[in-house]
């Protein structure tokens, strides 16, 4: 479904089928890297499924879809500039096919917002970052698969280094007044997310 969505998304901007396929292949290859265990195409598919029910509340659906496809395209656990690099790559690819500058600017802001997942003045961004965090509020089996996948992505680090960093992340979310900015995602996931985060924290 994601590939079809991406192709349809690009068709208004270019009639070059080979170029569209090339851009999709880049996304597919990046998200299928052997060292990725959570930030994969499955994550993107899940994001799309979370966002479809709120599509009518999103002002610029195309921008959100661009953000979805590119927000994790650069992902290196050893670096802390993945969001910036992903935003830069998105800008380069979208500029090349003539996507309006205003769309590209908003896409970049949304990608950068996934660095801290803080409330944004733009509600489209809040819907996207909430969807990006929706895994936190899934049933425990799904949540545990998520955090185990993240641990595998950071397997280069021993527990001595990984666990304190992970605890800091978990406490960051637990200390928030609310994790989810939009009422839709808040009512759907907030309570379970807090329980999951606390449960994981107790395992470390």
N, C-alpha and C. Protein backbone atom coordinates (compact mmCIF):
# COMPACT_ATOMS: atom_id res chain seq x y z
N UNK A 1 0.83 -1.21 0.00
CA UNK A 1 0.00 0.00 0.00
C UNK A 1 0.87 1.26 0.00
N UNK A 2 1.98 1.20 0.71
CA UNK A 2 2.85 2.37 0.80
C UNK A 2 3.44 2.75 -0.55
N UNK A 3 3.89 1.76 -1.29
CA UNK A 3 4.48 2.03 -2.61
C UNK A 3 3.45 2.67 -3.53
N UNK A 4 2.25 2.13 -3.54
CA UNK A 4 1.19 2.68 -4.39
C UNK A 4 0.85 4.12 -3.98
N UNK A 5 0.84 4.37 -2.67
CA UNK A 5 0.58 5.71 -2.17
C UNK A 5 1.66 6.67 -2.62
N UNK A 6 2.91 6.24 -2.56
CA UNK A 6 4.04 7.08 -2.96
C UNK A 6 3.99 7.40 -4.45
N UNK A 7 3.71 6.40 -5.26
CA UNK A 7 3.64 6.61 -6.70
C UNK A 7 2.53 7.60 -7.05
N UNK A 8 1.37 7.43 -6.44
CA UNK A 8 0.24 8.34 -6.68
C UNK A 8 0.58 9.74 -6.21
N UNK A 9 1.33 9.84 -5.12
CA UNK A 9 1.73 11.13 -4.56
C UNK A 9 2.61 11.91 -5.53
N UNK A 10 3.49 11.20 -6.24
CA UNK A 10 4.45 11.86 -7.13
C UNK A 10 3.91 12.13 -8.53
N UNK A 11 2.89 11.44 -8.93
CA UNK A 11 2.40 11.56 -10.30
C UNK A 11 2.03 12.98 -10.73
N UNK A 12 1.49 13.84 -9.84
CA UNK A 12 1.20 15.22 -10.27
C UNK A 12 2.45 16.05 -10.55
N UNK A 13 3.61 15.59 -10.09
CA UNK A 13 4.83 16.38 -10.21
C UNK A 13 5.76 15.90 -11.32
N UNK A 14 5.64 14.66 -11.71
CA UNK A 14 6.49 14.15 -12.79
C UNK A 14 5.80 12.98 -13.49
N UNK A 15 5.98 12.93 -14.81
CA UNK A 15 5.43 11.81 -15.58
C UNK A 15 6.53 10.80 -15.92
N UNK A 16 7.68 10.97 -15.31
CA UNK A 16 8.80 10.07 -15.56
C UNK A 16 8.71 8.86 -14.63
N UNK A 17 8.18 7.78 -15.17
CA UNK A 17 7.99 6.56 -14.37
C UNK A 17 9.31 6.05 -13.81
N UNK A 18 10.35 6.14 -14.60
CA UNK A 18 11.67 5.66 -14.16
C UNK A 18 12.16 6.46 -12.96
N UNK A 19 11.91 7.76 -12.96
CA UNK A 19 12.33 8.61 -11.85
C UNK A 19 11.54 8.28 -10.59
N UNK A 20 10.24 8.11 -10.74
CA UNK A 20 9.40 7.75 -9.60
C UNK A 20 9.88 6.43 -8.99
N UNK A 21 10.16 5.46 -9.86
CA UNK A 21 10.64 4.17 -9.38
C UNK A 21 12.00 4.30 -8.68
N UNK A 22 12.83 5.17 -9.22
CA UNK A 22 14.15 5.39 -8.63
C UNK A 22 14.02 5.98 -7.23
N UNK A 23 13.12 6.94 -7.09
CA UNK A 23 12.91 7.56 -5.78
C UNK A 23 12.32 6.57 -4.78
N UNK A 24 11.39 5.75 -5.26
CA UNK A 24 10.82 4.73 -4.37
C UNK A 24 11.89 3.71 -3.97
N UNK A 25 12.68 3.28 -4.93
CA UNK A 25 13.73 2.29 -4.63
C UNK A 25 14.69 2.80 -3.57
N UNK A 26 14.99 4.10 -3.62
CA UNK A 26 15.87 4.68 -2.61
C UNK A 26 15.25 4.55 -1.22
N UNK A 27 13.97 4.87 -1.11
CA UNK A 27 13.27 4.75 0.16
C UNK A 27 13.26 3.30 0.63
N UNK A 28 12.96 2.40 -0.29
CA UNK A 28 12.88 0.98 0.04
C UNK A 28 14.24 0.44 0.51
N UNK A 29 15.29 0.78 -0.20
CA UNK A 29 16.63 0.30 0.15
C UNK A 29 17.07 0.84 1.52
N UNK A 30 16.85 2.12 1.72
CA UNK A 30 17.27 2.72 2.99
C UNK A 30 16.56 2.09 4.19
N UNK A 31 15.27 1.83 4.03
CA UNK A 31 14.49 1.29 5.14
C UNK A 31 14.61 -0.23 5.27
N UNK A 32 15.30 -0.85 4.34
CA UNK A 32 15.47 -2.31 4.38
C UNK A 32 16.89 -2.71 4.77
N UNK A 33 17.66 -1.75 5.20
CA UNK A 33 19.05 -2.03 5.59
C UNK A 33 19.07 -3.07 6.71
N UNK A 34 20.05 -3.95 6.64
CA UNK A 34 20.14 -5.06 7.60
C UNK A 34 20.23 -4.59 9.05
N UNK A 35 20.74 -3.40 9.28
CA UNK A 35 20.89 -2.90 10.64
C UNK A 35 19.65 -2.21 11.18
N UNK A 36 18.61 -2.13 10.35
CA UNK A 36 17.35 -1.54 10.82
C UNK A 36 16.43 -2.65 11.33
N UNK A 37 15.90 -2.45 12.52
CA UNK A 37 15.00 -3.45 13.11
C UNK A 37 13.65 -2.85 13.50
N UNK A 38 13.60 -1.54 13.66
CA UNK A 38 12.33 -0.88 13.91
C UNK A 38 12.03 0.18 12.85
N UNK A 39 13.00 0.98 12.50
CA UNK A 39 12.80 2.06 11.52
C UNK A 39 12.84 1.49 10.10
N UNK A 40 11.81 0.73 9.80
CA UNK A 40 11.73 -0.04 8.56
C UNK A 40 10.51 0.38 7.75
N UNK A 41 10.30 -0.29 6.62
CA UNK A 41 9.09 -0.03 5.82
C UNK A 41 7.83 -0.37 6.60
N UNK A 42 7.93 -1.36 7.49
CA UNK A 42 6.78 -1.71 8.32
C UNK A 42 6.37 -0.53 9.21
N UNK A 43 7.36 0.16 9.73
CA UNK A 43 7.08 1.37 10.52
C UNK A 43 6.33 2.40 9.68
N UNK A 44 6.77 2.60 8.44
CA UNK A 44 6.11 3.57 7.57
C UNK A 44 4.68 3.12 7.25
N UNK A 45 4.50 1.84 7.01
CA UNK A 45 3.16 1.31 6.74
C UNK A 45 2.25 1.54 7.94
N UNK A 46 2.77 1.28 9.13
CA UNK A 46 1.97 1.47 10.34
C UNK A 46 1.61 2.94 10.53
N UNK A 47 2.55 3.82 10.22
CA UNK A 47 2.28 5.25 10.31
C UNK A 47 1.13 5.63 9.39
N UNK A 48 1.17 5.13 8.18
CA UNK A 48 0.11 5.44 7.21
C UNK A 48 -1.24 4.96 7.73
N UNK A 49 -1.27 3.77 8.31
CA UNK A 49 -2.52 3.23 8.83
C UNK A 49 -3.04 4.07 10.00
N UNK A 50 -2.14 4.63 10.80
CA UNK A 50 -2.56 5.47 11.91
C UNK A 50 -3.10 6.82 11.43
N UNK A 51 -2.55 7.32 10.33
CA UNK A 51 -2.92 8.65 9.86
C UNK A 51 -4.19 8.67 9.00
N UNK A 52 -4.47 7.59 8.33
CA UNK A 52 -5.64 7.56 7.43
C UNK A 52 -6.94 7.94 8.16
N UNK A 53 -7.20 7.46 9.39
CA UNK A 53 -8.44 7.84 10.07
C UNK A 53 -8.57 9.34 10.37
N UNK A 54 -7.46 10.05 10.42
CA UNK A 54 -7.51 11.50 10.71
C UNK A 54 -7.21 12.33 9.47
N UNK A 55 -7.25 11.73 8.31
CA UNK A 55 -6.91 12.43 7.07
C UNK A 55 -7.76 13.69 6.88
N UNK A 56 -9.04 13.60 7.23
CA UNK A 56 -9.94 14.74 7.03
C UNK A 56 -9.59 15.92 7.95
N UNK A 57 -8.81 15.68 8.98
CA UNK A 57 -8.41 16.75 9.91
C UNK A 57 -7.07 17.37 9.51
N UNK A 58 -6.43 16.80 8.52
CA UNK A 58 -5.11 17.26 8.09
C UNK A 58 -5.26 18.21 6.90
N UNK A 59 -4.69 19.38 7.01
CA UNK A 59 -4.87 20.41 5.98
C UNK A 59 -4.11 20.08 4.70
N UNK A 60 -2.88 19.60 4.84
CA UNK A 60 -2.09 19.30 3.65
C UNK A 60 -1.63 17.84 3.72
N UNK A 61 -2.47 16.98 3.22
CA UNK A 61 -2.23 15.54 3.27
C UNK A 61 -0.96 15.16 2.49
N UNK A 62 -0.74 15.81 1.35
CA UNK A 62 0.43 15.48 0.55
C UNK A 62 1.74 15.75 1.30
N UNK A 63 1.79 16.87 2.00
CA UNK A 63 2.99 17.18 2.77
C UNK A 63 3.23 16.13 3.85
N UNK A 64 2.18 15.74 4.53
CA UNK A 64 2.32 14.72 5.57
C UNK A 64 2.81 13.40 4.97
N UNK A 65 2.35 13.07 3.78
CA UNK A 65 2.81 11.85 3.13
C UNK A 65 4.28 11.96 2.74
N UNK A 66 4.69 13.12 2.25
CA UNK A 66 6.12 13.33 1.96
C UNK A 66 6.94 13.15 3.24
N UNK A 67 6.46 13.73 4.32
CA UNK A 67 7.15 13.62 5.60
C UNK A 67 7.25 12.17 6.04
N UNK A 68 6.16 11.46 5.91
CA UNK A 68 6.12 10.05 6.28
C UNK A 68 7.21 9.27 5.55
N UNK A 69 7.32 9.48 4.26
CA UNK A 69 8.24 8.71 3.43
C UNK A 69 9.71 9.06 3.69
N UNK A 70 9.97 10.30 4.10
CA UNK A 70 11.36 10.74 4.21
C UNK A 70 11.86 10.99 5.63
N UNK A 71 11.02 10.90 6.64
CA UNK A 71 11.45 11.35 7.97
C UNK A 71 12.53 10.45 8.59
N UNK A 72 12.59 9.21 8.17
CA UNK A 72 13.61 8.29 8.71
C UNK A 72 14.56 7.78 7.62
N UNK A 73 14.59 8.44 6.48
CA UNK A 73 15.36 7.89 5.37
C UNK A 73 16.85 7.83 5.70
N UNK A 74 17.33 8.78 6.50
CA UNK A 74 18.70 8.72 7.02
C UNK A 74 18.60 8.30 8.47
N UNK A 75 19.20 7.16 8.81
CA UNK A 75 19.11 6.68 10.19
C UNK A 75 20.40 5.95 10.55
N UNK A 76 21.18 6.60 11.39
CA UNK A 76 22.44 6.04 11.88
C UNK A 76 22.47 6.23 13.39
N UNK A 77 22.37 5.13 14.15
CA UNK A 77 22.35 5.25 15.62
C UNK A 77 23.58 5.92 16.21
N UNK A 78 24.66 5.99 15.43
CA UNK A 78 25.88 6.62 15.92
C UNK A 78 25.86 8.14 15.77
N UNK A 79 24.87 8.65 15.07
CA UNK A 79 24.80 10.09 14.79
C UNK A 79 23.59 10.71 15.48
N UNK A 80 23.67 12.02 15.72
CA UNK A 80 22.53 12.72 16.33
C UNK A 80 21.93 13.75 15.39
N UNK A 81 22.26 13.63 14.09
CA UNK A 81 21.72 14.57 13.11
C UNK A 81 20.89 13.87 12.04
N UNK A 82 20.30 12.73 12.39
CA UNK A 82 19.52 11.97 11.41
C UNK A 82 18.34 12.77 10.86
N UNK A 83 17.66 13.50 11.74
CA UNK A 83 16.50 14.28 11.29
C UNK A 83 16.94 15.38 10.33
N UNK A 84 18.03 16.05 10.66
CA UNK A 84 18.52 17.12 9.79
C UNK A 84 18.93 16.57 8.43
N UNK A 85 19.63 15.43 8.44
CA UNK A 85 20.07 14.81 7.18
C UNK A 85 18.88 14.31 6.37
N UNK A 86 17.89 13.77 7.05
CA UNK A 86 16.68 13.31 6.36
C UNK A 86 15.94 14.49 5.72
N UNK A 87 15.87 15.60 6.45
CA UNK A 87 15.20 16.80 5.93
C UNK A 87 15.94 17.34 4.70
N UNK A 88 17.25 17.31 4.76
CA UNK A 88 18.06 17.78 3.62
C UNK A 88 17.84 16.89 2.39
N UNK A 89 17.80 15.59 2.61
CA UNK A 89 17.59 14.68 1.49
C UNK A 89 16.19 14.84 0.91
N UNK A 90 15.21 15.01 1.79
CA UNK A 90 13.84 15.25 1.33
C UNK A 90 13.79 16.50 0.46
N UNK A 91 14.44 17.55 0.91
CA UNK A 91 14.46 18.81 0.15
C UNK A 91 15.07 18.59 -1.24
N UNK A 92 16.16 17.87 -1.29
CA UNK A 92 16.82 17.63 -2.58
C UNK A 92 15.93 16.84 -3.52
N UNK A 93 15.31 15.79 -3.01
CA UNK A 93 14.49 14.93 -3.87
C UNK A 93 13.21 15.63 -4.31
N UNK A 94 12.57 16.34 -3.41
CA UNK A 94 11.30 17.01 -3.74
C UNK A 94 11.53 18.22 -4.63
N UNK A 95 12.63 18.91 -4.44
CA UNK A 95 12.96 20.05 -5.31
C UNK A 95 13.18 19.57 -6.74
N UNK A 96 13.78 18.40 -6.88
CA UNK A 96 14.12 17.87 -8.21
C UNK A 96 12.90 17.56 -9.05
N UNK A 97 11.75 17.32 -8.39
CA UNK A 97 10.55 17.01 -9.16
C UNK A 97 9.55 18.16 -9.15
N UNK A 98 9.96 19.31 -8.63
CA UNK A 98 9.12 20.50 -8.72
C UNK A 98 8.03 20.64 -7.68
N UNK A 99 8.20 19.99 -6.53
CA UNK A 99 7.24 20.19 -5.44
C UNK A 99 7.36 21.64 -4.97
N UNK A 100 6.25 22.32 -4.73
CA UNK A 100 6.30 23.73 -4.31
C UNK A 100 7.18 23.94 -3.09
N UNK A 101 7.89 25.06 -3.09
CA UNK A 101 8.82 25.36 -2.00
C UNK A 101 8.12 25.39 -0.64
N UNK A 102 6.88 25.88 -0.62
CA UNK A 102 6.15 25.95 0.65
C UNK A 102 5.88 24.55 1.20
N UNK A 103 5.60 23.60 0.31
CA UNK A 103 5.39 22.21 0.72
C UNK A 103 6.68 21.62 1.28
N UNK A 104 7.78 21.89 0.59
CA UNK A 104 9.07 21.35 1.00
C UNK A 104 9.46 21.91 2.37
N UNK A 105 9.23 23.20 2.55
CA UNK A 105 9.55 23.84 3.83
C UNK A 105 8.77 23.19 4.96
N UNK A 106 7.49 22.97 4.74
CA UNK A 106 6.67 22.37 5.79
C UNK A 106 7.10 20.93 6.05
N UNK A 107 7.43 20.21 5.00
CA UNK A 107 7.91 18.83 5.15
C UNK A 107 9.17 18.80 6.01
N UNK A 108 10.09 19.70 5.75
CA UNK A 108 11.33 19.75 6.53
C UNK A 108 11.04 20.05 8.00
N UNK A 109 10.13 20.98 8.25
CA UNK A 109 9.78 21.31 9.64
C UNK A 109 9.18 20.10 10.34
N UNK A 110 8.35 19.34 9.63
CA UNK A 110 7.73 18.16 10.23
C UNK A 110 8.76 17.08 10.52
N UNK A 111 9.71 16.90 9.61
CA UNK A 111 10.77 15.91 9.85
C UNK A 111 11.59 16.32 11.07
N UNK A 112 11.95 17.59 11.14
CA UNK A 112 12.74 18.06 12.28
C UNK A 112 11.97 17.95 13.60
N UNK A 113 10.65 18.04 13.52
CA UNK A 113 9.82 17.94 14.72
C UNK A 113 9.88 16.54 15.35
N UNK A 114 10.26 15.54 14.55
CA UNK A 114 10.34 14.18 15.10
C UNK A 114 11.58 13.99 15.98
N UNK A 115 12.41 15.00 16.06
CA UNK A 115 13.60 14.91 16.92
C UNK A 115 13.21 14.95 18.40
N UNK A 116 12.22 15.80 18.74
CA UNK A 116 11.82 15.94 20.14
C UNK A 116 10.33 15.69 20.38
N UNK A 117 9.54 15.66 19.32
CA UNK A 117 8.11 15.39 19.43
C UNK A 117 7.40 16.35 20.38
N UNK A 118 7.78 17.63 20.32
CA UNK A 118 7.14 18.64 21.15
C UNK A 118 5.93 19.23 20.42
N UNK A 119 5.01 19.87 21.15
CA UNK A 119 3.85 20.49 20.49
C UNK A 119 4.30 21.52 19.47
N UNK A 120 3.63 21.54 18.33
CA UNK A 120 3.94 22.48 17.26
C UNK A 120 2.74 23.39 17.02
N UNK A 121 2.97 24.59 16.52
CA UNK A 121 1.85 25.49 16.21
C UNK A 121 1.00 24.97 15.06
N UNK A 122 1.61 24.13 14.24
CA UNK A 122 0.92 23.56 13.08
C UNK A 122 0.30 22.21 13.45
N UNK A 123 -1.00 22.10 13.34
CA UNK A 123 -1.69 20.87 13.77
C UNK A 123 -1.35 19.67 12.90
N UNK A 124 -1.05 19.87 11.63
CA UNK A 124 -0.64 18.76 10.78
C UNK A 124 0.61 18.10 11.35
N UNK A 125 1.53 18.92 11.82
CA UNK A 125 2.76 18.41 12.43
C UNK A 125 2.45 17.61 13.69
N UNK A 126 1.52 18.09 14.49
CA UNK A 126 1.14 17.38 15.70
C UNK A 126 0.52 16.02 15.39
N UNK A 127 -0.31 15.98 14.36
CA UNK A 127 -0.87 14.68 13.96
C UNK A 127 0.23 13.72 13.52
N UNK A 128 1.20 14.25 12.77
CA UNK A 128 2.25 13.37 12.29
C UNK A 128 3.13 12.86 13.43
N UNK A 129 3.57 13.75 14.30
CA UNK A 129 4.44 13.31 15.39
C UNK A 129 3.70 12.40 16.37
N UNK A 130 2.41 12.63 16.54
CA UNK A 130 1.62 11.72 17.37
C UNK A 130 1.56 10.33 16.74
N UNK A 131 1.34 10.28 15.45
CA UNK A 131 1.31 8.98 14.76
C UNK A 131 2.66 8.29 14.87
N UNK A 132 3.72 9.08 14.79
CA UNK A 132 5.08 8.53 14.89
C UNK A 132 5.31 7.89 16.26
N UNK A 133 4.63 8.40 17.28
CA UNK A 133 4.76 7.86 18.64
C UNK A 133 3.68 6.84 18.99
N UNK A 134 2.80 6.55 18.07
CA UNK A 134 1.66 5.68 18.38
C UNK A 134 2.07 4.30 18.85
N UNK A 135 3.27 3.85 18.46
CA UNK A 135 3.76 2.54 18.91
C UNK A 135 3.85 2.49 20.43
N UNK A 136 4.06 3.63 21.07
CA UNK A 136 4.17 3.65 22.52
C UNK A 136 2.88 3.19 23.20
N UNK A 137 1.76 3.38 22.52
CA UNK A 137 0.48 3.04 23.12
C UNK A 137 -0.14 1.76 22.61
N UNK A 138 0.65 0.94 21.93
CA UNK A 138 0.15 -0.34 21.44
C UNK A 138 0.08 -1.37 22.57
N UNK A 139 -0.55 -2.50 22.28
CA UNK A 139 -0.55 -3.60 23.25
C UNK A 139 0.89 -4.00 23.57
N UNK A 140 1.09 -4.57 24.74
CA UNK A 140 2.43 -4.82 25.24
C UNK A 140 3.30 -5.63 24.28
N UNK A 141 2.73 -6.63 23.63
CA UNK A 141 3.51 -7.46 22.70
C UNK A 141 4.09 -6.62 21.58
N UNK A 142 3.29 -5.72 21.04
CA UNK A 142 3.76 -4.85 19.97
C UNK A 142 4.79 -3.86 20.51
N UNK A 143 4.51 -3.32 21.68
CA UNK A 143 5.44 -2.36 22.28
C UNK A 143 6.78 -3.03 22.58
N UNK A 144 6.75 -4.23 23.12
CA UNK A 144 8.00 -4.91 23.46
C UNK A 144 8.80 -5.24 22.21
N UNK A 145 8.12 -5.57 21.12
CA UNK A 145 8.81 -5.79 19.85
C UNK A 145 9.49 -4.51 19.38
N UNK A 146 8.82 -3.39 19.62
CA UNK A 146 9.38 -2.08 19.27
C UNK A 146 10.66 -1.80 20.04
N UNK A 147 10.61 -1.91 21.37
CA UNK A 147 11.81 -1.52 22.13
C UNK A 147 12.94 -2.52 21.96
N UNK A 148 12.59 -3.77 21.68
CA UNK A 148 13.64 -4.76 21.39
C UNK A 148 14.29 -4.47 20.03
N UNK A 149 13.47 -3.99 19.09
CA UNK A 149 14.01 -3.60 17.79
C UNK A 149 14.95 -2.41 17.91
N UNK A 150 14.56 -1.45 18.73
CA UNK A 150 15.42 -0.29 18.96
C UNK A 150 16.73 -0.73 19.60
N UNK A 151 16.65 -1.66 20.54
CA UNK A 151 17.89 -2.15 21.18
C UNK A 151 18.81 -2.80 20.16
N UNK A 152 18.25 -3.53 19.22
CA UNK A 152 19.06 -4.17 18.18
C UNK A 152 19.73 -3.12 17.29
N UNK A 153 19.01 -2.04 17.03
CA UNK A 153 19.58 -0.97 16.20
C UNK A 153 20.76 -0.30 16.92
N UNK A 154 20.73 -0.34 18.23
CA UNK A 154 21.81 0.24 19.02
C UNK A 154 22.72 -0.85 19.60
N UNK A 155 22.78 -1.99 18.93
CA UNK A 155 23.53 -3.13 19.46
C UNK A 155 25.03 -2.87 19.58
N UNK A 156 25.52 -1.85 18.88
CA UNK A 156 26.93 -1.51 18.97
C UNK A 156 27.30 -1.04 20.37
N UNK A 157 26.28 -0.56 21.12
CA UNK A 157 26.54 -0.06 22.47
C UNK A 157 26.29 -1.15 23.51
N UNK A 158 27.19 -1.31 24.47
CA UNK A 158 26.95 -2.26 25.56
C UNK A 158 25.88 -1.72 26.50
N UNK A 159 25.31 -2.59 27.32
CA UNK A 159 24.26 -2.18 28.25
C UNK A 159 24.71 -1.03 29.14
N UNK A 160 25.98 -1.03 29.50
CA UNK A 160 26.51 0.01 30.37
C UNK A 160 26.28 1.40 29.81
N UNK A 161 26.29 1.51 28.50
CA UNK A 161 26.06 2.79 27.84
C UNK A 161 24.60 2.93 27.40
N UNK A 162 24.04 1.85 26.86
CA UNK A 162 22.69 1.92 26.30
C UNK A 162 21.63 2.17 27.36
N UNK A 163 21.70 1.43 28.46
CA UNK A 163 20.61 1.50 29.44
C UNK A 163 20.42 2.89 30.04
N UNK A 164 21.49 3.59 30.44
CA UNK A 164 21.28 4.95 30.96
C UNK A 164 20.65 5.88 29.93
N UNK A 165 21.07 5.74 28.66
CA UNK A 165 20.49 6.58 27.61
C UNK A 165 19.03 6.26 27.38
N UNK A 166 18.71 4.97 27.39
CA UNK A 166 17.32 4.56 27.19
C UNK A 166 16.45 5.03 28.36
N UNK A 167 16.97 4.92 29.58
CA UNK A 167 16.22 5.38 30.74
C UNK A 167 15.91 6.87 30.63
N UNK A 168 16.87 7.63 30.13
CA UNK A 168 16.67 9.07 29.97
C UNK A 168 15.54 9.35 29.00
N UNK A 169 15.49 8.59 27.90
CA UNK A 169 14.42 8.75 26.91
C UNK A 169 13.07 8.40 27.52
N UNK A 170 13.01 7.29 28.22
CA UNK A 170 11.75 6.86 28.83
C UNK A 170 11.24 7.87 29.85
N UNK A 171 12.15 8.37 30.67
CA UNK A 171 11.76 9.35 31.69
C UNK A 171 11.33 10.67 31.06
N UNK A 172 11.95 10.99 29.92
CA UNK A 172 11.56 12.20 29.20
C UNK A 172 10.08 12.14 28.83
N UNK A 173 9.65 11.01 28.30
CA UNK A 173 8.24 10.87 27.92
C UNK A 173 7.34 10.76 29.15
N UNK A 174 7.79 10.03 30.15
CA UNK A 174 6.96 9.87 31.35
C UNK A 174 6.76 11.19 32.09
N UNK A 175 7.71 12.09 31.98
CA UNK A 175 7.61 13.38 32.67
C UNK A 175 6.78 14.41 31.91
N UNK A 176 6.41 14.09 30.70
CA UNK A 176 5.57 15.00 29.93
C UNK A 176 4.18 15.06 30.55
N UNK A 177 3.56 16.22 30.53
CA UNK A 177 2.18 16.32 30.99
C UNK A 177 1.29 15.44 30.12
N UNK A 178 1.58 15.45 28.85
CA UNK A 178 0.91 14.55 27.92
C UNK A 178 1.85 14.26 26.75
N UNK A 179 1.89 13.02 26.34
CA UNK A 179 2.76 12.60 25.24
C UNK A 179 2.15 13.01 23.91
N UNK A 180 0.85 12.79 23.77
CA UNK A 180 0.17 13.02 22.50
C UNK A 180 -0.52 14.39 22.49
N UNK A 181 -0.26 15.13 21.44
CA UNK A 181 -0.73 16.52 21.35
C UNK A 181 -2.18 16.64 20.89
N UNK A 182 -2.60 15.74 20.01
CA UNK A 182 -3.96 15.81 19.46
C UNK A 182 -4.91 14.98 20.30
N UNK A 183 -6.16 15.41 20.36
CA UNK A 183 -7.14 14.70 21.18
C UNK A 183 -7.36 13.28 20.68
N UNK A 184 -7.30 13.11 19.37
CA UNK A 184 -7.53 11.77 18.78
C UNK A 184 -6.51 10.77 19.31
N UNK A 185 -5.23 11.10 19.18
CA UNK A 185 -4.20 10.17 19.60
C UNK A 185 -4.07 10.12 21.13
N UNK A 186 -4.34 11.23 21.78
CA UNK A 186 -4.29 11.24 23.25
C UNK A 186 -5.31 10.26 23.84
N UNK A 187 -6.53 10.34 23.38
CA UNK A 187 -7.58 9.47 23.92
C UNK A 187 -7.35 8.01 23.56
N UNK A 188 -6.69 7.79 22.44
CA UNK A 188 -6.48 6.43 21.95
C UNK A 188 -5.28 5.74 22.61
N UNK A 189 -4.20 6.50 22.90
CA UNK A 189 -2.95 5.86 23.28
C UNK A 189 -2.30 6.34 24.59
N UNK A 190 -2.69 7.47 25.13
CA UNK A 190 -1.94 8.07 26.24
C UNK A 190 -1.80 7.14 27.45
N UNK A 191 -2.90 6.60 27.92
CA UNK A 191 -2.87 5.79 29.14
C UNK A 191 -1.99 4.56 28.97
N UNK A 192 -2.18 3.84 27.87
CA UNK A 192 -1.39 2.63 27.63
C UNK A 192 0.08 2.97 27.41
N UNK A 193 0.34 4.10 26.75
CA UNK A 193 1.73 4.50 26.50
C UNK A 193 2.47 4.71 27.82
N UNK A 194 1.84 5.41 28.77
CA UNK A 194 2.49 5.65 30.07
C UNK A 194 2.76 4.33 30.80
N UNK A 195 1.83 3.40 30.72
CA UNK A 195 2.01 2.10 31.36
C UNK A 195 3.15 1.33 30.70
N UNK A 196 3.21 1.36 29.38
CA UNK A 196 4.27 0.66 28.66
C UNK A 196 5.65 1.23 28.97
N UNK A 197 5.74 2.54 28.97
CA UNK A 197 7.02 3.20 29.24
C UNK A 197 7.51 2.87 30.64
N UNK A 198 6.59 2.90 31.61
CA UNK A 198 6.97 2.58 32.98
C UNK A 198 7.39 1.12 33.11
N UNK A 199 6.68 0.26 32.40
CA UNK A 199 7.01 -1.17 32.45
C UNK A 199 8.37 -1.45 31.86
N UNK A 200 8.69 -0.80 30.73
CA UNK A 200 10.02 -0.97 30.14
C UNK A 200 11.09 -0.43 31.07
N UNK A 201 10.82 0.73 31.66
CA UNK A 201 11.80 1.35 32.56
C UNK A 201 12.14 0.39 33.70
N UNK A 202 11.15 -0.32 34.18
CA UNK A 202 11.38 -1.24 35.30
C UNK A 202 12.20 -2.46 34.89
N UNK A 203 12.30 -2.72 33.58
CA UNK A 203 13.09 -3.87 33.12
C UNK A 203 14.57 -3.52 32.99
N UNK A 204 14.89 -2.22 33.01
CA UNK A 204 16.28 -1.80 32.77
C UNK A 204 17.11 -1.74 34.05
